[in-house]
Amino acid sequence: MRSIRVRKVQAVYHLEIAVNDLLVDLERQNKKIKSIQFVDECVAFVVYETDSDLTEFNKVEVSG
């Protein structure tokens, strides 16, 4: 049981790093972040506006 919990913590840590990297990239592209939704410890969605006021999203996923 303990090793499973460690893997989940590691997955959450790696997911947070991946989301932060994406946020930095989107910020450099002048995209406006609308929301960040963490589905579970391995999946998150980042919703943002494009330059033409369209709403798009990126799925961030890590294996855990």
Protein backbone atom coordinates (compact mmCIF):
# COMPACT_ATOMS: atom_id res chain seq x y z
CA MET A 1 0.00 0.00 0.00
CA ARG A 2 2.77 2.43 0.81
CA SER A 3 4.50 2.13 -2.58
CA ILE A 4 1.23 2.96 -4.36
CA ARG A 5 0.88 6.15 -2.35
CA VAL A 6 4.44 7.15 -3.19
CA ARG A 7 3.75 6.67 -6.89
CA LYS A 8 0.64 8.84 -6.65
CA VAL A 9 2.59 11.59 -4.91
CA GLN A 10 5.27 11.39 -7.58
CA ALA A 11 2.63 11.53 -10.34
CA VAL A 12 1.07 14.64 -8.77
CA TYR A 13 4.50 16.25 -8.48
CA HIS A 14 5.32 15.52 -12.14
CA LEU A 15 1.87 16.72 -13.25
CA GLU A 16 2.37 20.02 -11.42
CA ILE A 17 5.75 20.48 -13.11
CA ALA A 18 4.25 19.70 -16.54
CA VAL A 19 1.37 22.14 -15.98
CA ASN A 20 3.80 24.85 -14.83
CA ASP A 21 5.93 24.32 -17.96
CA LEU A 22 2.82 24.65 -20.14
CA LEU A 23 1.76 27.83 -18.31
CA VAL A 24 5.18 29.37 -18.95
CA ASP A 25 4.93 28.49 -22.66
CA LEU A 26 1.42 29.91 -22.94
CA GLU A 27 2.46 33.07 -21.11
CA ARG A 28 5.33 33.57 -23.56
CA GLN A 29 2.78 33.29 -26.38
CA ASN A 30 0.59 35.93 -24.67
CA LYS A 31 -2.28 33.50 -24.11
CA LYS A 32 -4.77 34.35 -21.36
CA ILE A 33 -5.27 31.43 -18.96
CA LYS A 34 -8.94 30.91 -18.13
CA SER A 35 -8.76 27.85 -15.88
CA ILE A 36 -6.73 24.87 -14.76
CA GLN A 37 -8.67 21.72 -13.92
CA PHE A 38 -6.98 18.77 -12.25
CA VAL A 39 -9.00 15.65 -13.10
CA ASP A 40 -6.92 13.28 -10.97
CA GLU A 41 -3.28 12.76 -10.04
CA CYS A 42 -2.31 12.08 -13.67
CA VAL A 43 -4.48 14.38 -15.83
CA ALA A 44 -5.12 18.13 -15.97
CA PHE A 45 -6.70 20.48 -18.49
CA VAL A 46 -5.49 24.03 -19.07
CA VAL A 47 -8.08 26.26 -20.75
CA TYR A 48 -6.90 29.49 -22.38
CA GLU A 49 -7.89 32.19 -24.87
CA THR A 50 -6.08 32.65 -28.15
CA ASP A 51 -5.26 35.97 -29.80
CA SER A 52 -8.49 35.76 -31.81
CA ASP A 53 -10.62 35.33 -28.63
CA LEU A 54 -11.12 31.61 -29.23
CA THR A 55 -11.08 29.30 -26.24
CA GLU A 56 -8.79 26.28 -26.51
CA PHE A 57 -7.42 23.73 -24.08
CA ASN A 58 -4.40 21.51 -23.62
CA LYS A 59 -4.54 18.17 -21.88
CA VAL A 60 -1.55 17.47 -19.65
CA GLU A 61 -1.05 13.83 -18.74
CA VAL A 62 1.62 11.93 -16.87
CA SER A 63 1.86 8.19 -16.40
CA GLY A 64 1.60 7.18 -12.81
